[in-house]
PDB file of all heavy atoms in Angstrom:
ATOM      1  N   LEU A   1       3.851  -5.153 -18.386  1.00  0.00           N
ATOM      2  CA  LEU A   1       3.663  -4.173 -17.297  1.00  0.00           C
ATOM      3  C   LEU A   1       2.159  -3.858 -17.204  1.00  0.00           C
ATOM      4  O   LEU A   1       1.508  -3.570 -18.200  1.00  0.00           O
ATOM      5  CB  LEU A   1       4.459  -2.908 -17.633  1.00  0.00           C
ATOM      6  CG  LEU A   1       4.886  -2.032 -16.447  1.00  0.00           C
ATOM      7  CD1 LEU A   1       5.789  -2.816 -15.507  1.00  0.00           C
ATOM      8  CD2 LEU A   1       5.611  -0.813 -16.978  1.00  0.00           C
ATOM      9  N   ALA A   2       1.636  -3.885 -15.962  1.00  0.00           N
ATOM     10  CA  ALA A   2       0.197  -3.619 -15.768  1.00  0.00           C
ATOM     11  C   ALA A   2      -0.014  -2.873 -14.481  1.00  0.00           C
ATOM     12  O   ALA A   2       0.765  -2.972 -13.537  1.00  0.00           O
ATOM     13  CB  ALA A   2      -0.552  -4.928 -15.757  1.00  0.00           C
ATOM     14  N   ARG A   3      -1.106  -2.136 -14.417  1.00  0.00           N
ATOM     15  CA  ARG A   3      -1.532  -1.445 -13.208  1.00  0.00           C
ATOM     16  C   ARG A   3      -2.265  -2.438 -12.329  1.00  0.00           C
ATOM     17  O   ARG A   3      -3.122  -3.163 -12.810  1.00  0.00           O
ATOM     18  CB  ARG A   3      -2.445  -0.276 -13.549  1.00  0.00           C
ATOM     19  CG  ARG A   3      -1.766   0.829 -14.290  1.00  0.00           C
ATOM     20  CD  ARG A   3      -2.721   1.673 -15.143  1.00  0.00           C
ATOM     21  NE  ARG A   3      -3.744   2.334 -14.396  1.00  0.00           N
ATOM     22  CZ  ARG A   3      -5.045   2.157 -14.496  1.00  0.00           C
ATOM     23  NH1 ARG A   3      -5.504   1.312 -15.409  1.00  0.00           N
ATOM     24  NH2 ARG A   3      -5.894   2.849 -13.795  1.00  0.00           N
ATOM     25  N   ILE A   4      -1.894  -2.496 -11.057  1.00  0.00           N
ATOM     26  CA  ILE A   4      -2.496  -3.434 -10.123  1.00  0.00           C
ATOM     27  C   ILE A   4      -3.887  -2.936  -9.682  1.00  0.00           C
ATOM     28  O   ILE A   4      -4.192  -1.763  -9.839  1.00  0.00           O
ATOM     29  CB  ILE A   4      -1.594  -3.694  -8.903  1.00  0.00           C
ATOM     30  CG1 ILE A   4      -1.373  -2.374  -8.169  1.00  0.00           C
ATOM     31  CG2 ILE A   4      -0.303  -4.305  -9.296  1.00  0.00           C
ATOM     32  CD1 ILE A   4      -0.624  -2.510  -6.853  1.00  0.00           C
ATOM     33  N   GLY A   5      -4.710  -3.871  -9.194  1.00  0.00           N
ATOM     34  CA  GLY A   5      -6.038  -3.495  -8.718  1.00  0.00           C
ATOM     35  C   GLY A   5      -6.027  -2.856  -7.362  1.00  0.00           C
ATOM     36  O   GLY A   5      -4.981  -2.826  -6.675  1.00  0.00           O
ATOM     37  N   LYS A   6      -7.171  -2.372  -6.942  1.00  0.00           N
ATOM     38  CA  LYS A   6      -7.277  -1.659  -5.658  1.00  0.00           C
ATOM     39  C   LYS A   6      -6.894  -2.567  -4.496  1.00  0.00           C
ATOM     40  O   LYS A   6      -6.282  -2.129  -3.546  1.00  0.00           O
ATOM     41  CB  LYS A   6      -8.709  -1.141  -5.453  1.00  0.00           C
ATOM     42  CG  LYS A   6      -9.067  -0.015  -6.383  1.00  0.00           C
ATOM     43  CD  LYS A   6     -10.519   0.425  -6.135  1.00  0.00           C
ATOM     44  CE  LYS A   6     -10.950   1.533  -7.091  1.00  0.00           C
ATOM     45  NZ  LYS A   6     -12.373   1.873  -6.919  1.00  0.00           N
ATOM     46  N   ALA A   7      -7.297  -3.815  -4.520  1.00  0.00           N
ATOM     47  CA  ALA A   7      -6.995  -4.722  -3.390  1.00  0.00           C
ATOM     48  C   ALA A   7      -5.471  -4.872  -3.220  1.00  0.00           C
ATOM     49  O   ALA A   7      -4.976  -4.837  -2.093  1.00  0.00           O
ATOM     50  CB  ALA A   7      -7.619  -6.099  -3.622  1.00  0.00           C
ATOM     51  N   SER A   8      -4.766  -4.970  -4.299  1.00  0.00           N
ATOM     52  CA  SER A   8      -3.289  -5.065  -4.202  1.00  0.00           C
ATOM     53  C   SER A   8      -2.669  -3.753  -3.749  1.00  0.00           C
ATOM     54  O   SER A   8      -1.722  -3.729  -2.998  1.00  0.00           O
ATOM     55  CB  SER A   8      -2.697  -5.455  -5.571  1.00  0.00           C
ATOM     56  OG  SER A   8      -3.029  -6.759  -5.922  1.00  0.00           O
ATOM     57  N   CYS A   9      -3.259  -2.627  -4.166  1.00  0.00           N
ATOM     58  CA  CYS A   9      -2.759  -1.319  -3.676  1.00  0.00           C
ATOM     59  C   CYS A   9      -2.947  -1.245  -2.139  1.00  0.00           C
ATOM     60  O   CYS A   9      -2.051  -0.748  -1.446  1.00  0.00           O
ATOM     61  CB  CYS A   9      -3.563  -0.177  -4.345  1.00  0.00           C
ATOM     62  SG  CYS A   9      -3.289   0.031  -6.115  1.00  0.00           S
ATOM     63  N   GLU A  10      -4.106  -1.695  -1.658  1.00  0.00           N
ATOM     64  CA  GLU A  10      -4.340  -1.673  -0.205  1.00  0.00           C
ATOM     65  C   GLU A  10      -3.408  -2.646   0.498  1.00  0.00           C
ATOM     66  O   GLU A  10      -2.971  -2.363   1.644  1.00  0.00           O
ATOM     67  CB  GLU A  10      -5.805  -1.964   0.094  1.00  0.00           C
ATOM     68  CG  GLU A  10      -6.793  -0.951  -0.495  1.00  0.00           C
ATOM     69  CD  GLU A  10      -6.578   0.446   0.074  1.00  0.00           C
ATOM     70  OE1 GLU A  10      -5.991   0.570   1.187  1.00  0.00           O
ATOM     71  OE2 GLU A  10      -7.000   1.443  -0.564  1.00  0.00           O
ATOM     72  N   GLN A  11      -3.163  -3.768  -0.101  1.00  0.00           N
ATOM     73  CA  GLN A  11      -2.263  -4.758   0.496  1.00  0.00           C
ATOM     74  C   GLN A  11      -0.884  -4.154   0.667  1.00  0.00           C
ATOM     75  O   GLN A  11      -0.234  -4.296   1.717  1.00  0.00           O
ATOM     76  CB  GLN A  11      -2.184  -5.992  -0.388  1.00  0.00           C
ATOM     77  CG  GLN A  11      -1.336  -7.097   0.141  1.00  0.00           C
ATOM     78  CD  GLN A  11      -2.131  -8.201   0.814  1.00  0.00           C
ATOM     79  OE1 GLN A  11      -3.327  -8.081   1.002  1.00  0.00           O
ATOM     80  NE2 GLN A  11      -1.441  -9.272   1.168  1.00  0.00           N
ATOM     81  N   ARG A  12      -0.414  -3.453  -0.357  1.00  0.00           N
ATOM     82  CA  ARG A  12       0.923  -2.809  -0.274  1.00  0.00           C
ATOM     83  C   ARG A  12       0.882  -1.734   0.786  1.00  0.00           C
ATOM     84  O   ARG A  12       1.841  -1.636   1.568  1.00  0.00           O
ATOM     85  CB  ARG A  12       1.287  -2.208  -1.637  1.00  0.00           C
ATOM     86  CG  ARG A  12       1.545  -3.262  -2.697  1.00  0.00           C
ATOM     87  CD  ARG A  12       1.919  -2.613  -4.044  1.00  0.00           C
ATOM     88  NE  ARG A  12       2.249  -3.628  -5.054  1.00  0.00           N
ATOM     89  CZ  ARG A  12       2.732  -3.362  -6.261  1.00  0.00           C
ATOM     90  NH1 ARG A  12       2.918  -2.091  -6.612  1.00  0.00           N
ATOM     91  NH2 ARG A  12       3.040  -4.319  -7.095  1.00  0.00           N
ATOM     92  N   ALA A  13      -0.148  -0.948   0.832  1.00  0.00           N
ATOM     93  CA  ALA A  13      -0.217   0.147   1.815  1.00  0.00           C
ATOM     94  C   ALA A  13      -0.158  -0.430   3.244  1.00  0.00           C
ATOM     95  O   ALA A  13       0.393   0.221   4.134  1.00  0.00           O
ATOM     96  CB  ALA A  13      -1.505   0.962   1.610  1.00  0.00           C
ATOM     97  N   GLY A  14      -0.779  -1.558   3.472  1.00  0.00           N
ATOM     98  CA  GLY A  14      -0.827  -2.154   4.789  1.00  0.00           C
ATOM     99  C   GLY A  14       0.496  -2.433   5.383  1.00  0.00           C
ATOM    100  O   GLY A  14       0.686  -2.559   6.607  1.00  0.00           O
ATOM    101  N   ARG A  15       1.553  -2.530   4.549  1.00  0.00           N
ATOM    102  CA  ARG A  15       2.885  -2.825   5.036  1.00  0.00           C
ATOM    103  C   ARG A  15       3.446  -1.667   5.840  1.00  0.00           C
ATOM    104  O   ARG A  15       4.403  -1.797   6.613  1.00  0.00           O
ATOM    105  CB  ARG A  15       3.839  -3.111   3.860  1.00  0.00           C
ATOM    106  CG  ARG A  15       3.510  -4.401   3.129  1.00  0.00           C
ATOM    107  CD  ARG A  15       3.556  -5.579   4.084  1.00  0.00           C
ATOM    108  NE  ARG A  15       3.383  -6.861   3.387  1.00  0.00           N
ATOM    109  CZ  ARG A  15       3.387  -8.027   4.026  1.00  0.00           C
ATOM    110  NH1 ARG A  15       3.495  -8.037   5.343  1.00  0.00           N
ATOM    111  NH2 ARG A  15       3.216  -9.166   3.372  1.00  0.00           N
ATOM    112  N   ALA A  16       2.855  -0.459   5.703  1.00  0.00           N
ATOM    113  CA  ALA A  16       3.394   0.708   6.406  1.00  0.00           C
ATOM    114  C   ALA A  16       2.763   0.911   7.787  1.00  0.00           C
ATOM    115  O   ALA A  16       3.247   1.773   8.526  1.00  0.00           O
ATOM    116  CB  ALA A  16       3.132   1.977   5.565  1.00  0.00           C
ATOM    117  N   GLY A  17       1.717   0.156   8.099  1.00  0.00           N
ATOM    118  CA  GLY A  17       1.034   0.412   9.356  1.00  0.00           C
ATOM    119  C   GLY A  17       1.014  -0.787  10.295  1.00  0.00           C
ATOM    120  O   GLY A  17       0.065  -0.956  11.049  1.00  0.00           O
ATOM    121  N   ARG A  18       2.044  -1.574  10.294  1.00  0.00           N
ATOM    122  CA  ARG A  18       2.036  -2.798  11.089  1.00  0.00           C
ATOM    123  C   ARG A  18       2.479  -2.527  12.541  1.00  0.00           C
ATOM    124  O   ARG A  18       1.903  -3.121  13.486  1.00  0.00           O
ATOM    125  CB  ARG A  18       2.987  -3.842  10.474  1.00  0.00           C
ATOM    126  CG  ARG A  18       2.478  -4.487   9.211  1.00  0.00           C
ATOM    127  CD  ARG A  18       3.341  -5.689   8.844  1.00  0.00           C
ATOM    128  NE  ARG A  18       3.383  -6.628   9.955  1.00  0.00           N
ATOM    129  CZ  ARG A  18       4.500  -6.934  10.620  1.00  0.00           C
ATOM    130  NH1 ARG A  18       5.631  -6.371  10.307  1.00  0.00           N
ATOM    131  NH2 ARG A  18       4.454  -7.788  11.596  1.00  0.00           N
ATOM    132  N   THR A  19       3.473  -1.684  12.768  1.00  0.00           N
ATOM    133  CA  THR A  19       4.010  -1.540  14.112  1.00  0.00           C
ATOM    134  C   THR A  19       3.746  -0.110  14.677  1.00  0.00           C
ATOM    135  O   THR A  19       3.956   0.107  15.860  1.00  0.00           O
ATOM    136  CB  THR A  19       5.485  -1.817  14.137  1.00  0.00           C
ATOM    137  OG1 THR A  19       6.151  -0.975  13.207  1.00  0.00           O
ATOM    138  CG2 THR A  19       5.782  -3.247  13.753  1.00  0.00           C
ATOM    139  N   ALA A  20       3.377   0.812  13.816  1.00  0.00           N
ATOM    140  CA  ALA A  20       3.143   2.195  14.231  1.00  0.00           C
ATOM    141  C   ALA A  20       2.442   2.916  13.066  1.00  0.00           C
ATOM    142  O   ALA A  20       2.350   2.376  11.961  1.00  0.00           O
ATOM    143  CB  ALA A  20       4.452   2.888  14.566  1.00  0.00           C
ATOM    144  N   PRO A  21       1.870   4.107  13.333  1.00  0.00           N
ATOM    145  CA  PRO A  21       1.305   4.857  12.223  1.00  0.00           C
ATOM    146  C   PRO A  21       2.303   5.037  11.090  1.00  0.00           C
ATOM    147  O   PRO A  21       3.482   5.267  11.328  1.00  0.00           O
ATOM    148  CB  PRO A  21       0.913   6.189  12.851  1.00  0.00           C
ATOM    149  CG  PRO A  21       0.663   5.840  14.313  1.00  0.00           C
ATOM    150  CD  PRO A  21       1.705   4.765  14.622  1.00  0.00           C
ATOM    151  N   GLY A  22       1.834   4.905   9.875  1.00  0.00           N
ATOM    152  CA  GLY A  22       2.723   4.923   8.707  1.00  0.00           C
ATOM    153  C   GLY A  22       2.259   5.879   7.613  1.00  0.00           C
ATOM    154  O   GLY A  22       1.249   6.576   7.779  1.00  0.00           O
ATOM    155  N   ARG A  23       3.020   5.901   6.576  1.00  0.00           N
ATOM    156  CA  ARG A  23       2.790   6.823   5.459  1.00  0.00           C
ATOM    157  C   ARG A  23       2.931   6.071   4.163  1.00  0.00           C
ATOM    158  O   ARG A  23       3.825   5.233   3.999  1.00  0.00           O
ATOM    159  CB  ARG A  23       3.802   7.949   5.565  1.00  0.00           C
ATOM    160  CG  ARG A  23       3.751   8.956   4.453  1.00  0.00           C
ATOM    161  CD  ARG A  23       4.877   9.984   4.640  1.00  0.00           C
ATOM    162  NE  ARG A  23       4.897  10.998   3.591  1.00  0.00           N
ATOM    163  CZ  ARG A  23       5.865  11.892   3.432  1.00  0.00           C
ATOM    164  NH1 ARG A  23       6.901  11.852   4.261  1.00  0.00           N
ATOM    165  NH2 ARG A  23       5.812  12.740   2.453  1.00  0.00           N
ATOM    166  N   VAL A  24       2.072   6.380   3.185  1.00  0.00           N
ATOM    167  CA  VAL A  24       2.078   5.779   1.886  1.00  0.00           C
ATOM    168  C   VAL A  24       2.126   6.886   0.830  1.00  0.00           C
ATOM    169  O   VAL A  24       1.282   7.777   0.860  1.00  0.00           O
ATOM    170  CB  VAL A  24       0.877   4.846   1.642  1.00  0.00           C
ATOM    171  CG1 VAL A  24       0.903   4.252   0.238  1.00  0.00           C
ATOM    172  CG2 VAL A  24       0.829   3.734   2.683  1.00  0.00           C
ATOM    173  N   ILE A  25       3.070   6.761  -0.081  1.00  0.00           N
ATOM    174  CA  ILE A  25       3.143   7.679  -1.224  1.00  0.00           C
ATOM    175  C   ILE A  25       2.885   6.872  -2.462  1.00  0.00           C
ATOM    176  O   ILE A  25       3.631   5.970  -2.814  1.00  0.00           O
ATOM    177  CB  ILE A  25       4.526   8.361  -1.316  1.00  0.00           C
ATOM    178  CG1 ILE A  25       4.815   9.176  -0.053  1.00  0.00           C
ATOM    179  CG2 ILE A  25       4.546   9.271  -2.538  1.00  0.00           C
ATOM    180  CD1 ILE A  25       6.205   9.763  -0.023  1.00  0.00           C
ATOM    181  N   ARG A  26       1.772   7.143  -3.114  1.00  0.00           N
ATOM    182  CA  ARG A  26       1.419   6.468  -4.359  1.00  0.00           C
ATOM    183  C   ARG A  26       1.911   7.346  -5.526  1.00  0.00           C
ATOM    184  O   ARG A  26       1.542   8.524  -5.573  1.00  0.00           O
ATOM    185  CB  ARG A  26      -0.055   6.205  -4.446  1.00  0.00           C
ATOM    186  CG  ARG A  26      -0.516   5.132  -3.456  1.00  0.00           C
ATOM    187  CD  ARG A  26      -2.014   4.895  -3.373  1.00  0.00           C
ATOM    188  NE  ARG A  26      -2.295   3.736  -2.573  1.00  0.00           N
ATOM    189  CZ  ARG A  26      -3.494   3.482  -1.998  1.00  0.00           C
ATOM    190  NH1 ARG A  26      -4.477   4.345  -2.147  1.00  0.00           N
ATOM    191  NH2 ARG A  26      -3.659   2.408  -1.272  1.00  0.00           N
ATOM    192  N   LEU A  27       2.657   6.771  -6.413  1.00  0.00           N
ATOM    193  CA  LEU A  27       3.290   7.498  -7.501  1.00  0.00           C
ATOM    194  C   LEU A  27       2.314   7.633  -8.691  1.00  0.00           C
ATOM    195  O   LEU A  27       2.692   7.475  -9.830  1.00  0.00           O
ATOM    196  CB  LEU A  27       4.587   6.838  -7.939  1.00  0.00           C
ATOM    197  CG  LEU A  27       5.649   6.713  -6.854  1.00  0.00           C
ATOM    198  CD1 LEU A  27       6.908   6.004  -7.389  1.00  0.00           C
ATOM    199  CD2 LEU A  27       6.012   8.080  -6.294  1.00  0.00           C
TER     200      LEU A  27
END
């Protein structure tokens, strides 16, 4: 188990803003 880097965090966040404004909750 490892913490992902910032680029991967941003890649994941981008999935919420493809078709309309979105929301990201980072745990």
